[in-house]
């Protein structure tokens, strides 16, 4: 039996479409950052929604990990609204 190693779960799930796997990896990292901010501040979903300028159901989707309901742009905008900036590193795939 042959086993394969993947850098992350997205690569394993989308082995035939690396660009989709990369997009999902980025979205999941951004979602984690937003959720971490909400938790560290001790915000309710309603408070977080007001602060991030989204609806409370959108925060619920985030907490439940509904990655398909978010775009990278939306998540970057949410983080930017609360003063969180990102550094991007772009490199050629191995």
Foldseek 3Di string as FASTA:
>chain_A
DDDDDDPDPLCVVPVVDVVVSVQLVLLLVLLVVLVVVCVVVVHDLCRLCVQLVHHSVVSVCSVVPVSVVDGSVSSQSSCVSVPDDDDDDDDDDD
